[in-house]
């Protein structure tokens, strides 16, 4: 029998076991050396295969699928630089704790290091960014081969559920195409049920007791909720027991009624923040996104971090201690040990200031007829139907959403905030849409352009997603940074592009709408969503005017906090 038949049979044993453990989706790209594994994925009836032209887009699409489903997704590719193109998504998956199974085809050992075409050193190619690496053996037949490949697949799946990316390198000899000959690999016991993706270790009694002792006597505390991968509603219940205000980033999944509606504006207001330095901050999840929130945790008397994904979310190295446990389980157990406090001055001052700040923000931005990025973020988040998923890009969009989104129920928010890059965003959002989640994406113009290849490849492939894109013709975030004073600001940093989004969408086969007035935004989004398919709702923004209006909003908040 041929090498191709043996390789395909071993790949089938490997993929079949992954499917029995619950694998439902795989992303692949064209290539020759990966033929055995790609055919096995395509011919496995329980696995959907998503074809992508380039490997970087494929990996980010798999990342989006895995984020939305919280289950491992395969990304498979051929050898050489194809494998190297997976690195950005692997980095994001590693830092955001996303279960990703990376399968790279490779030349056999005798062709490594001898100048063979399309051959690079793929052993431990992704370094420390993967949880686990295996250089698989060359496929062979025999009575125990099926057991060996099933065992490798079982360990691969379990390691990915840690969670995080894992890498299996698959060497294949030619010929790569099976002839259809029968191969005897032996048998393997059927495995089912799968391994659940780890959402943090359950807290033990010692964890709960120590945590309760730390927070029980504190009156002037704040609960800060950064990005969280799992739903943790008991955290808000804990804050109620403590009588502390809650500042929840949208990616925590807990920007809900009962949390502050203008928390980032309070933190960035010098007068309020200096007068309300907490004695303790308990941070759940990832490190804060905004500079003002980083200032809060840096200035607090004490900092305790509950870090279920072990992301080491302490850039200032100020944490008194860090608990690597399931956030909701810890909060639920701690709340049960605490008596609910009466409303005290500390909490009342935060709530009153929050109401004043929110009113000032809304009154100010509602008075502008032209689009403003903060209002785009607010109105988009408020308008999406319950059960929707909003995928938000890095740079300004995630910060604007954090500042302007009003608390609400029924909206999931995802972002690539592990490494906070803009690359692969379109692919990620389309991967989320492929999970079946009603998906809207919110990103800047450069973020869309950075991954425009994915839009061109995927817009006609049956996905439903609406991209809302404030187009300020460049990187607006640099206008808020010290770079603003540099004479090379335009040339090297904001990089205006002058590209026609309508023409790009026409080439891709995506719908396009251009919104010139603030009141037109929500109707345009609703029309795009109702039409189905991939749409871009472009919102032209004057960059300099956006900076001025940003300052006006903060000035209005300052006036509102001073009172009548």
Foldseek 3Di string as FASTA:
>chain_A
DDLQALLLVLLLLQVVLLVQQPEAEEEEEDDQLCLSNVVSQVPPVRHDYHYDHALLLSLLLQQLLQLQVVAEYEYEYEAACSLVSNQVSLQLQQLVQGQYEYEYEAAPPVPPPPPDPRHDPPFCVNPPSAQEEEADDRGDADQASSVVSSVVSQVSRVSCLCPGYYYYYYHGDPPNHDPPDDTHRHDDDRHHDHDHRAQFAADDPVVLVVVLVVQAVFQQEEEEEDAGSDDAVLLLVLCQQNLHAYQYQQNNQFLAPSHFFAVVLQLPQVVNCVVRQGQEYEYEEAADDDPSSNVNQVRHNAYEYEYCSPSPRCPPPGHPYYHNGNNNNSSNSNSVVGGGDDNDPNSVLRRVLSVLLLVLLCVQVVVAWFDALLLLLQVVLVQDDAQAEEEEAAAVGSVSNSRRHHHHPRYHYHYSPSVRDLANRVSSQQSNQVSVHHYEYEYEPVSCVNHLSCLLGPQPPFGFYEYEYAYQQFRLNCCVPPVVPPPCCCVPHRPGDPDDVCVSCVNSVAAEAEDGTSVCSSVVVVVSNVVGTYYYYYRYDHSVVNVVSVVVSSVSSVVSSVPD
